[in-house]
C-alpha cells in the first residue's frame, strides 16, 4: 500500500495501515504458504516485493519507504533461514510502472481511517527528490521480462528497470566511511 505525505503529517493510523499491509501482511502470507512450499519438490522460490524507493529513497514516502526497507530486511533474513532447505528467496525492486497502484491503494484504505489525502505537491516533491531521470515508467510486462530467469538462478536481488548506480554507490561509500571511522 502507498501513502504519500510528509513524515510529520502522516498519522499513527497512516503508519499502522501501511506497515500492517506491506510488512505484517507479507510475513503472514509467507508463513501461511511456507508449509506448501516446503512440501513441494523441485525449484522452490519465494519473491518479496520491496521497491526502487529502497535503492533511491525520496521525500513524502516515509511510511512506504520504511515498509519497503523492512520488506528487504525480511527477505534477506528469510533467504538465510530457508537456504538450508533449498528454498530460494529473492527481493524484487520494481521501479515506476504504469499500473493502478496509487488508485488501488486509495481504494483499499479502510474507511475508518478517513480518506487518503495526497497534497498537490507530494508527488512532484517525491519525483524531484529522487532524481528519476534514470527511470522510465514501464509496463508491468516490461518490468517483469527477466523475472522467471532471475528466480530460476536464485538471485538475491532483482531490479526490474532503472539505473540506481549513483545512489547505491553514494550510500555504500557513506556506510564504508562510517565503518572506517568506527575502527579508529
N, C-alpha and C. Protein backbone atom coordinates (compact mmCIF):
# COMPACT_ATOMS: atom_id res chain seq x y z
N UNK A 1 0.83 -1.17 0.00
CA UNK A 1 0.00 0.00 0.00
C UNK A 1 0.88 1.24 0.00
N UNK A 2 0.36 2.28 -0.54
CA UNK A 2 1.10 3.52 -0.70
C UNK A 2 0.35 4.64 0.01
N UNK A 3 1.09 5.47 0.73
CA UNK A 3 0.50 6.65 1.36
C UNK A 3 1.53 7.78 1.27
N UNK A 4 1.25 8.76 0.43
CA UNK A 4 2.13 9.92 0.32
C UNK A 4 1.90 10.86 1.49
N UNK A 5 2.92 11.63 1.80
CA UNK A 5 2.78 12.68 2.79
C UNK A 5 4.08 12.91 3.53
N UNK A 6 4.28 14.14 3.93
CA UNK A 6 5.45 14.47 4.74
C UNK A 6 5.41 13.64 6.02
N UNK A 7 6.54 13.18 6.48
CA UNK A 7 6.61 12.25 7.61
C UNK A 7 5.84 12.76 8.82
N UNK A 8 5.94 14.04 9.13
CA UNK A 8 5.26 14.56 10.32
C UNK A 8 3.74 14.72 10.10
N UNK A 9 3.30 14.69 8.86
CA UNK A 9 1.88 14.84 8.56
C UNK A 9 1.12 13.50 8.62
N UNK A 10 1.85 12.40 8.48
CA UNK A 10 1.19 11.09 8.49
C UNK A 10 0.77 10.75 9.92
N UNK A 11 -0.43 10.27 10.05
CA UNK A 11 -0.96 9.93 11.37
C UNK A 11 -0.46 8.55 11.80
N UNK A 12 -0.65 8.26 13.06
CA UNK A 12 -0.35 6.93 13.58
C UNK A 12 -1.09 5.88 12.76
N UNK A 13 -2.35 6.16 12.45
CA UNK A 13 -3.16 5.23 11.67
C UNK A 13 -2.61 5.03 10.27
N UNK A 14 -2.12 6.12 9.63
CA UNK A 14 -1.49 6.00 8.31
C UNK A 14 -0.30 5.04 8.37
N UNK A 15 0.57 5.27 9.37
CA UNK A 15 1.75 4.42 9.53
C UNK A 15 1.34 2.97 9.78
N UNK A 16 0.41 2.75 10.69
CA UNK A 16 -0.03 1.40 11.02
C UNK A 16 -0.58 0.68 9.80
N UNK A 17 -1.42 1.38 9.02
CA UNK A 17 -2.04 0.77 7.86
C UNK A 17 -0.98 0.32 6.85
N UNK A 18 -0.05 1.21 6.52
CA UNK A 18 0.98 0.87 5.53
C UNK A 18 1.87 -0.26 6.05
N UNK A 19 2.32 -0.18 7.29
CA UNK A 19 3.19 -1.22 7.85
C UNK A 19 2.44 -2.55 8.02
N UNK A 20 1.19 -2.49 8.46
CA UNK A 20 0.42 -3.72 8.62
C UNK A 20 0.24 -4.46 7.29
N UNK A 21 -0.09 -3.72 6.24
CA UNK A 21 -0.31 -4.36 4.94
C UNK A 21 1.02 -4.80 4.32
N UNK A 22 1.97 -3.88 4.21
CA UNK A 22 3.20 -4.15 3.46
C UNK A 22 4.19 -5.06 4.17
N UNK A 23 4.20 -5.06 5.51
CA UNK A 23 5.18 -5.86 6.25
C UNK A 23 4.51 -7.04 6.95
N UNK A 24 3.58 -6.75 7.84
CA UNK A 24 2.93 -7.82 8.60
C UNK A 24 2.13 -8.72 7.67
N UNK A 25 1.42 -8.13 6.72
CA UNK A 25 0.66 -8.93 5.75
C UNK A 25 1.55 -9.85 4.95
N UNK A 26 2.70 -9.34 4.54
CA UNK A 26 3.66 -10.18 3.80
C UNK A 26 4.15 -11.33 4.66
N UNK A 27 4.56 -11.04 5.90
CA UNK A 27 5.08 -12.09 6.78
C UNK A 27 4.01 -13.14 7.05
N UNK A 28 2.77 -12.73 7.26
CA UNK A 28 1.70 -13.69 7.49
C UNK A 28 1.41 -14.53 6.25
N UNK A 29 1.48 -13.91 5.09
CA UNK A 29 1.26 -14.65 3.84
C UNK A 29 2.34 -15.70 3.64
N UNK A 30 3.59 -15.32 3.85
CA UNK A 30 4.68 -16.29 3.70
C UNK A 30 4.52 -17.42 4.72
N UNK A 31 4.19 -17.09 5.96
CA UNK A 31 4.00 -18.13 6.97
C UNK A 31 2.89 -19.09 6.57
N UNK A 32 1.84 -18.58 5.94
CA UNK A 32 0.72 -19.43 5.54
C UNK A 32 1.08 -20.36 4.39
N UNK A 33 1.90 -19.88 3.45
CA UNK A 33 2.21 -20.72 2.28
C UNK A 33 3.49 -21.54 2.45
N UNK A 34 4.29 -21.22 3.45
CA UNK A 34 5.56 -21.92 3.63
C UNK A 34 5.40 -23.44 3.77
N UNK A 35 4.40 -23.95 4.49
CA UNK A 35 4.26 -25.41 4.54
C UNK A 35 4.04 -26.03 3.15
N UNK A 36 3.32 -25.35 2.29
CA UNK A 36 3.11 -25.85 0.92
C UNK A 36 4.41 -25.83 0.12
N UNK A 37 5.18 -24.78 0.29
CA UNK A 37 6.46 -24.68 -0.41
C UNK A 37 7.41 -25.76 0.10
N UNK A 38 7.45 -25.96 1.39
CA UNK A 38 8.32 -27.00 1.96
C UNK A 38 7.93 -28.39 1.45
N UNK A 39 6.64 -28.63 1.27
CA UNK A 39 6.15 -29.94 0.84
C UNK A 39 6.36 -30.18 -0.66
N UNK A 40 6.61 -29.11 -1.40
CA UNK A 40 6.78 -29.23 -2.85
C UNK A 40 8.17 -29.74 -3.17
N UNK A 41 8.31 -30.25 -4.38
CA UNK A 41 9.63 -30.68 -4.84
C UNK A 41 10.05 -29.77 -5.98
N UNK A 42 11.29 -29.89 -6.37
CA UNK A 42 11.79 -29.09 -7.49
C UNK A 42 12.28 -27.72 -7.04
N UNK A 43 12.22 -26.80 -7.97
CA UNK A 43 12.73 -25.45 -7.78
C UNK A 43 11.74 -24.64 -6.93
N UNK A 44 12.07 -24.39 -5.68
CA UNK A 44 11.17 -23.68 -4.77
C UNK A 44 11.71 -22.28 -4.51
N UNK A 45 10.88 -21.31 -4.86
CA UNK A 45 11.30 -19.91 -4.76
C UNK A 45 10.21 -19.05 -4.15
N UNK A 46 10.65 -18.04 -3.41
CA UNK A 46 9.77 -17.00 -2.87
C UNK A 46 10.33 -15.67 -3.34
N UNK A 47 9.46 -14.80 -3.80
CA UNK A 47 9.89 -13.44 -4.15
C UNK A 47 9.08 -12.47 -3.29
N UNK A 48 9.78 -11.55 -2.64
CA UNK A 48 9.13 -10.50 -1.87
C UNK A 48 9.38 -9.18 -2.58
N UNK A 49 8.38 -8.32 -2.60
CA UNK A 49 8.47 -7.10 -3.38
C UNK A 49 8.79 -5.90 -2.48
N UNK A 50 10.00 -5.39 -2.64
CA UNK A 50 10.40 -4.15 -1.98
C UNK A 50 10.01 -3.02 -2.94
N UNK A 51 10.93 -2.16 -3.30
CA UNK A 51 10.65 -1.04 -4.19
C UNK A 51 11.96 -0.38 -4.56
N UNK A 52 11.98 0.27 -5.72
CA UNK A 52 13.16 1.07 -6.07
C UNK A 52 13.33 2.22 -5.08
N UNK A 53 12.28 2.50 -4.31
CA UNK A 53 12.37 3.51 -3.25
C UNK A 53 13.36 3.13 -2.16
N UNK A 54 13.71 1.86 -2.07
CA UNK A 54 14.75 1.42 -1.14
C UNK A 54 16.12 1.78 -1.72
N UNK A 55 16.24 1.68 -3.04
CA UNK A 55 17.51 1.98 -3.70
C UNK A 55 17.75 3.48 -3.80
N UNK A 56 16.68 4.23 -4.02
CA UNK A 56 16.76 5.69 -4.16
C UNK A 56 15.57 6.29 -3.42
N UNK A 57 15.67 6.43 -2.09
CA UNK A 57 14.54 6.99 -1.32
C UNK A 57 14.20 8.40 -1.76
N UNK A 58 12.97 8.79 -1.46
CA UNK A 58 12.53 10.13 -1.79
C UNK A 58 11.68 10.70 -0.67
N UNK A 59 11.49 12.00 -0.70
CA UNK A 59 10.65 12.65 0.31
C UNK A 59 9.18 12.31 0.07
N UNK A 60 8.39 12.48 1.12
CA UNK A 60 6.95 12.25 1.12
C UNK A 60 6.58 10.77 1.01
N UNK A 61 7.56 9.90 1.20
CA UNK A 61 7.33 8.46 1.13
C UNK A 61 7.75 7.75 2.41
N UNK A 62 7.73 8.45 3.53
CA UNK A 62 8.26 7.90 4.78
C UNK A 62 7.69 6.55 5.16
N UNK A 63 6.37 6.44 5.23
CA UNK A 63 5.76 5.18 5.65
C UNK A 63 5.99 4.10 4.60
N UNK A 64 5.82 4.44 3.35
CA UNK A 64 6.01 3.45 2.27
C UNK A 64 7.46 2.98 2.22
N UNK A 65 8.40 3.91 2.23
CA UNK A 65 9.82 3.54 2.17
C UNK A 65 10.22 2.71 3.38
N UNK A 66 9.75 3.11 4.55
CA UNK A 66 10.04 2.35 5.77
C UNK A 66 9.55 0.92 5.62
N UNK A 67 8.34 0.76 5.11
CA UNK A 67 7.79 -0.59 4.95
C UNK A 67 8.60 -1.39 3.94
N UNK A 68 9.06 -0.76 2.89
CA UNK A 68 9.80 -1.49 1.85
C UNK A 68 11.23 -1.81 2.29
N UNK A 69 11.84 -0.94 3.14
CA UNK A 69 13.12 -1.30 3.74
C UNK A 69 12.93 -2.53 4.64
N UNK A 70 11.82 -2.56 5.37
CA UNK A 70 11.51 -3.72 6.22
C UNK A 70 11.32 -4.98 5.38
N UNK A 71 10.67 -4.85 4.24
CA UNK A 71 10.49 -6.00 3.34
C UNK A 71 11.85 -6.52 2.88
N UNK A 72 12.76 -5.62 2.56
CA UNK A 72 14.09 -6.06 2.15
C UNK A 72 14.77 -6.82 3.29
N UNK A 73 14.72 -6.30 4.49
CA UNK A 73 15.32 -6.99 5.64
C UNK A 73 14.67 -8.34 5.89
N UNK A 74 13.36 -8.39 5.77
CA UNK A 74 12.64 -9.65 5.95
C UNK A 74 13.07 -10.66 4.88
N UNK A 75 13.14 -10.20 3.64
CA UNK A 75 13.54 -11.09 2.55
C UNK A 75 14.95 -11.62 2.73
N UNK A 76 15.87 -10.77 3.16
CA UNK A 76 17.25 -11.22 3.37
C UNK A 76 17.32 -12.24 4.50
N UNK A 77 16.59 -11.99 5.58
CA UNK A 77 16.56 -12.93 6.71
C UNK A 77 15.93 -14.25 6.30
N UNK A 78 14.81 -14.17 5.61
CA UNK A 78 14.11 -15.37 5.15
C UNK A 78 15.01 -16.19 4.22
N UNK A 79 15.76 -15.51 3.37
CA UNK A 79 16.68 -16.21 2.45
C UNK A 79 17.70 -17.03 3.25
N UNK A 80 18.26 -16.42 4.30
CA UNK A 80 19.24 -17.14 5.12
C UNK A 80 18.58 -18.31 5.85
N UNK A 81 17.39 -18.09 6.38
CA UNK A 81 16.71 -19.13 7.14
C UNK A 81 16.30 -20.32 6.29
N UNK A 82 15.96 -20.09 5.03
CA UNK A 82 15.45 -21.17 4.18
C UNK A 82 16.49 -21.78 3.25
N UNK A 83 17.68 -21.20 3.19
CA UNK A 83 18.72 -21.69 2.28
C UNK A 83 19.05 -23.15 2.53
N UNK A 84 19.12 -23.55 3.78
CA UNK A 84 19.45 -24.93 4.11
C UNK A 84 18.41 -25.94 3.63
N UNK A 85 17.21 -25.46 3.36
CA UNK A 85 16.14 -26.32 2.86
C UNK A 85 16.05 -26.29 1.34
N UNK A 86 16.95 -25.55 0.71
CA UNK A 86 16.93 -25.44 -0.75
C UNK A 86 15.82 -24.55 -1.28
N UNK A 87 15.31 -23.67 -0.43
CA UNK A 87 14.27 -22.72 -0.85
C UNK A 87 14.92 -21.37 -1.05
N UNK A 88 14.81 -20.84 -2.26
CA UNK A 88 15.40 -19.54 -2.56
C UNK A 88 14.45 -18.41 -2.28
N UNK A 89 14.99 -17.28 -1.85
CA UNK A 89 14.21 -16.07 -1.62
C UNK A 89 14.91 -14.93 -2.34
N UNK A 90 14.14 -14.20 -3.13
CA UNK A 90 14.65 -13.05 -3.85
C UNK A 90 13.87 -11.81 -3.44
N UNK A 91 14.57 -10.67 -3.42
CA UNK A 91 13.94 -9.39 -3.14
C UNK A 91 13.83 -8.64 -4.47
N UNK A 92 12.60 -8.30 -4.84
CA UNK A 92 12.32 -7.60 -6.09
C UNK A 92 12.22 -6.11 -5.83
N UNK A 93 12.89 -5.32 -6.67
CA UNK A 93 12.88 -3.86 -6.56
C UNK A 93 12.27 -3.27 -7.84
N UNK A 94 10.94 -3.20 -7.91
CA UNK A 94 10.34 -2.60 -9.10
C UNK A 94 10.48 -1.09 -9.08
N UNK A 95 10.67 -0.53 -10.26
CA UNK A 95 10.68 0.93 -10.42
C UNK A 95 9.32 1.33 -10.99
N UNK A 96 9.21 2.57 -11.44
CA UNK A 96 7.93 3.09 -11.90
C UNK A 96 7.28 2.26 -12.99
N UNK A 97 6.02 1.93 -12.76
CA UNK A 97 5.26 1.17 -13.75
C UNK A 97 3.90 1.83 -13.96
N UNK A 98 3.38 1.64 -15.15
CA UNK A 98 2.04 2.15 -15.46
C UNK A 98 1.01 1.14 -14.95
N UNK A 99 0.66 1.31 -13.68
CA UNK A 99 -0.33 0.45 -13.03
C UNK A 99 -1.35 1.32 -12.33
N UNK A 100 -2.26 0.70 -11.64
CA UNK A 100 -3.27 1.41 -10.86
C UNK A 100 -2.91 1.36 -9.38
N UNK A 101 -1.63 1.27 -9.07
CA UNK A 101 -1.17 1.11 -7.68
C UNK A 101 -1.67 2.22 -6.76
N UNK A 102 -1.54 3.46 -7.18
CA UNK A 102 -1.97 4.56 -6.33
C UNK A 102 -3.48 4.54 -6.14
N UNK A 103 -4.20 4.27 -7.22
CA UNK A 103 -5.66 4.20 -7.14
C UNK A 103 -6.11 3.03 -6.26
N UNK A 104 -5.48 1.87 -6.44
CA UNK A 104 -5.88 0.71 -5.64
C UNK A 104 -5.51 0.90 -4.17
N UNK A 105 -4.41 1.58 -3.89
CA UNK A 105 -4.06 1.88 -2.50
C UNK A 105 -5.11 2.77 -1.86
N UNK A 106 -5.54 3.77 -2.60
CA UNK A 106 -6.57 4.68 -2.08
C UNK A 106 -7.88 3.93 -1.83
N UNK A 107 -8.25 3.05 -2.75
CA UNK A 107 -9.49 2.29 -2.61
C UNK A 107 -9.41 1.26 -1.48
N UNK A 108 -8.23 0.73 -1.22
CA UNK A 108 -8.07 -0.31 -0.20
C UNK A 108 -7.99 0.25 1.21
N UNK A 109 -7.82 1.54 1.33
CA UNK A 109 -7.68 2.15 2.65
C UNK A 109 -8.98 1.97 3.43
N UNK A 110 -8.91 1.45 4.65
CA UNK A 110 -10.12 1.27 5.46
C UNK A 110 -10.85 2.60 5.68
N UNK A 111 -12.16 2.56 5.56
CA UNK A 111 -12.99 3.77 5.69
C UNK A 111 -12.79 4.46 7.03
N UNK A 112 -12.58 3.66 8.09
CA UNK A 112 -12.44 4.27 9.42
C UNK A 112 -11.19 5.12 9.56
N UNK A 113 -10.25 4.99 8.63
CA UNK A 113 -9.04 5.83 8.66
C UNK A 113 -9.27 7.17 7.97
N UNK A 114 -10.40 7.31 7.32
CA UNK A 114 -10.65 8.54 6.57
C UNK A 114 -10.03 8.44 5.19
N UNK A 115 -10.30 9.43 4.39
CA UNK A 115 -9.82 9.43 3.01
C UNK A 115 -8.30 9.60 2.96
N UNK A 116 -7.69 8.91 2.03
CA UNK A 116 -6.26 9.07 1.79
C UNK A 116 -6.05 10.43 1.12
N UNK A 117 -5.22 11.25 1.72
CA UNK A 117 -5.00 12.59 1.19
C UNK A 117 -3.58 12.71 0.66
N UNK A 118 -3.48 13.05 -0.61
CA UNK A 118 -2.20 13.36 -1.23
C UNK A 118 -2.25 14.84 -1.57
N UNK A 119 -1.36 15.59 -0.96
CA UNK A 119 -1.32 17.03 -1.21
C UNK A 119 -0.83 17.27 -2.64
N UNK A 120 -1.22 18.39 -3.25
CA UNK A 120 -0.86 18.64 -4.64
C UNK A 120 0.64 18.56 -4.93
N UNK A 121 1.45 18.94 -3.97
CA UNK A 121 2.90 18.94 -4.24
C UNK A 121 3.60 17.65 -3.82
N UNK A 122 2.89 16.69 -3.21
CA UNK A 122 3.53 15.47 -2.71
C UNK A 122 4.26 14.68 -3.80
N UNK A 123 3.57 14.42 -4.89
CA UNK A 123 4.18 13.60 -5.94
C UNK A 123 5.31 14.36 -6.62
N UNK A 124 5.09 15.65 -6.88
CA UNK A 124 6.15 16.45 -7.51
C UNK A 124 7.39 16.52 -6.62
N UNK A 125 7.19 16.69 -5.30
CA UNK A 125 8.32 16.74 -4.37
C UNK A 125 9.06 15.41 -4.34
N UNK A 126 8.30 14.32 -4.35
CA UNK A 126 8.94 13.00 -4.35
C UNK A 126 9.74 12.80 -5.64
N UNK A 127 9.15 13.10 -6.77
CA UNK A 127 9.85 12.93 -8.06
C UNK A 127 11.11 13.78 -8.09
N UNK A 128 11.02 15.01 -7.63
CA UNK A 128 12.17 15.90 -7.60
C UNK A 128 13.29 15.35 -6.73
N UNK A 129 12.94 14.84 -5.55
CA UNK A 129 13.95 14.38 -4.60
C UNK A 129 14.64 13.11 -5.05
N UNK A 130 13.97 12.31 -5.86
CA UNK A 130 14.54 11.03 -6.29
C UNK A 130 15.36 11.14 -7.57
N UNK A 131 15.36 12.27 -8.23
CA UNK A 131 16.14 12.45 -9.46
C UNK A 131 15.88 11.29 -10.41
N UNK A 132 14.64 11.11 -10.77
CA UNK A 132 14.23 9.94 -11.54
C UNK A 132 14.42 10.08 -13.04
N UNK A 133 15.38 10.89 -13.46
CA UNK A 133 15.68 10.97 -14.89
C UNK A 133 16.14 9.61 -15.42
N UNK A 134 16.68 8.78 -14.51
CA UNK A 134 17.23 7.49 -14.91
C UNK A 134 16.19 6.38 -14.90
N UNK A 135 14.92 6.69 -14.65
CA UNK A 135 13.87 5.68 -14.64
C UNK A 135 12.75 6.11 -15.55
N UNK A 136 12.44 5.26 -16.49
CA UNK A 136 11.32 5.49 -17.37
C UNK A 136 10.19 4.61 -16.89
N UNK A 137 9.00 5.17 -16.76
CA UNK A 137 7.85 4.38 -16.35
C UNK A 137 7.61 3.32 -17.42
N UNK A 138 7.52 2.09 -16.97
CA UNK A 138 7.39 0.96 -17.89
C UNK A 138 6.09 0.21 -17.64
N UNK A 139 5.77 -0.69 -18.54
CA UNK A 139 4.63 -1.57 -18.35
C UNK A 139 5.04 -2.69 -17.41
N UNK A 140 4.09 -3.30 -16.71
CA UNK A 140 4.44 -4.46 -15.87
C UNK A 140 5.08 -5.58 -16.69
N UNK A 141 4.64 -5.75 -17.92
CA UNK A 141 5.22 -6.80 -18.78
C UNK A 141 6.71 -6.55 -19.02
N UNK A 142 7.08 -5.29 -19.28
CA UNK A 142 8.49 -4.98 -19.47
C UNK A 142 9.26 -5.18 -18.17
N UNK A 143 8.70 -4.68 -17.07
CA UNK A 143 9.39 -4.75 -15.78
C UNK A 143 9.66 -6.18 -15.34
N UNK A 144 8.80 -7.10 -15.71
CA UNK A 144 8.97 -8.50 -15.26
C UNK A 144 9.56 -9.39 -16.34
N UNK A 145 10.13 -8.81 -17.38
CA UNK A 145 10.61 -9.58 -18.53
C UNK A 145 11.68 -10.62 -18.17
N UNK A 146 12.46 -10.40 -17.13
CA UNK A 146 13.53 -11.33 -16.75
C UNK A 146 13.26 -12.02 -15.42
N UNK A 147 12.09 -11.80 -14.86
CA UNK A 147 11.80 -12.28 -13.51
C UNK A 147 11.97 -13.79 -13.37
N UNK A 148 11.41 -14.57 -14.27
CA UNK A 148 11.49 -16.03 -14.13
C UNK A 148 12.93 -16.53 -14.21
N UNK A 149 13.72 -15.96 -15.09
CA UNK A 149 15.13 -16.37 -15.19
C UNK A 149 15.90 -16.00 -13.92
N UNK A 150 15.61 -14.84 -13.39
CA UNK A 150 16.28 -14.40 -12.16
C UNK A 150 15.90 -15.30 -10.99
N UNK A 151 14.63 -15.68 -10.91
CA UNK A 151 14.20 -16.59 -9.85
C UNK A 151 14.82 -17.97 -10.02
N UNK A 152 14.85 -18.44 -11.26
CA UNK A 152 15.47 -19.74 -11.54
C UNK A 152 16.93 -19.75 -11.08
N UNK A 153 17.62 -18.63 -11.28
CA UNK A 153 19.03 -18.52 -10.88
C UNK A 153 19.19 -18.22 -9.39
N UNK A 154 18.08 -18.10 -8.69
CA UNK A 154 18.08 -17.83 -7.25
C UNK A 154 18.88 -16.56 -6.90
N UNK A 155 18.63 -15.50 -7.65
CA UNK A 155 19.29 -14.22 -7.38
C UNK A 155 18.75 -13.62 -6.09
N UNK A 156 19.62 -13.07 -5.30
CA UNK A 156 19.20 -12.42 -4.05
C UNK A 156 18.38 -11.17 -4.34
N UNK A 157 18.84 -10.36 -5.29
CA UNK A 157 18.17 -9.12 -5.63
C UNK A 157 17.80 -9.11 -7.10
N UNK A 158 16.62 -8.55 -7.39
CA UNK A 158 16.16 -8.41 -8.77
C UNK A 158 15.65 -6.98 -8.94
N UNK A 159 16.29 -6.23 -9.82
CA UNK A 159 15.86 -4.86 -10.14
C UNK A 159 15.16 -4.92 -11.48
N UNK A 160 13.94 -4.40 -11.55
CA UNK A 160 13.15 -4.51 -12.77
C UNK A 160 13.66 -3.61 -13.88
N UNK A 161 13.98 -2.37 -13.56
CA UNK A 161 14.48 -1.43 -14.56
C UNK A 161 14.92 -0.16 -13.82
N UNK A 162 15.63 0.69 -14.53
CA UNK A 162 16.16 1.92 -13.95
C UNK A 162 17.62 1.75 -13.61
N UNK A 163 18.29 2.86 -13.41
CA UNK A 163 19.71 2.86 -13.09
C UNK A 163 19.92 3.62 -11.79
N UNK A 164 20.24 2.88 -10.75
CA UNK A 164 20.38 3.46 -9.41
C UNK A 164 21.83 3.39 -8.93
N UNK A 165 22.78 3.29 -9.87
CA UNK A 165 24.18 3.14 -9.51
C UNK A 165 24.69 4.28 -8.64
N UNK A 166 24.38 5.50 -9.03
CA UNK A 166 24.88 6.66 -8.30
C UNK A 166 24.38 6.64 -6.86
N UNK A 167 23.08 6.42 -6.68
CA UNK A 167 22.50 6.41 -5.33
C UNK A 167 23.09 5.28 -4.49
N UNK A 168 23.23 4.10 -5.09
CA UNK A 168 23.79 2.96 -4.35
C UNK A 168 25.27 3.16 -4.03
N UNK A 169 26.01 3.69 -4.98
CA UNK A 169 27.43 3.95 -4.75
C UNK A 169 27.61 4.97 -3.63
N UNK A 170 26.83 6.06 -3.66
CA UNK A 170 26.92 7.07 -2.61
C UNK A 170 26.60 6.48 -1.25
N UNK A 171 25.55 5.67 -1.18
CA UNK A 171 25.16 5.06 0.09
C UNK A 171 26.27 4.13 0.59
N UNK A 172 26.79 3.29 -0.29
CA UNK A 172 27.85 2.36 0.11
C UNK A 172 29.11 3.09 0.55
N UNK A 173 29.45 4.16 -0.15
CA UNK A 173 30.63 4.94 0.26
C UNK A 173 30.42 5.57 1.63
N UNK A 174 29.22 6.08 1.89
CA UNK A 174 28.92 6.66 3.20
C UNK A 174 28.98 5.60 4.30
N UNK A 175 28.45 4.41 4.02
CA UNK A 175 28.49 3.33 5.00
C UNK A 175 29.93 2.87 5.26
N UNK A 176 30.71 2.74 4.20
CA UNK A 176 32.12 2.33 4.36
C UNK A 176 32.89 3.38 5.14
N UNK A 177 32.59 4.65 4.89
CA UNK A 177 33.25 5.72 5.63
C UNK A 177 32.88 5.65 7.11
N UNK A 178 31.61 5.38 7.41
CA UNK A 178 31.18 5.24 8.81
C UNK A 178 31.88 4.05 9.46
N UNK A 179 32.05 2.98 8.72
CA UNK A 179 32.75 1.80 9.24
C UNK A 179 34.21 2.13 9.52
N UNK A 180 34.84 2.84 8.63
CA UNK A 180 36.24 3.25 8.83
C UNK A 180 36.37 4.13 10.07
N UNK A 181 35.46 5.08 10.24
CA UNK A 181 35.53 5.95 11.41
C UNK A 181 35.33 5.17 12.70
N UNK A 182 34.53 4.12 12.65
CA UNK A 182 34.26 3.30 13.85
C UNK A 182 35.47 2.46 14.24
N UNK A 183 36.38 2.24 13.32
CA UNK A 183 37.55 1.40 13.56
C UNK A 183 38.68 2.15 14.23
N UNK A 184 38.57 3.45 14.35
CA UNK A 184 39.65 4.26 14.92
C UNK A 184 39.53 4.32 16.41
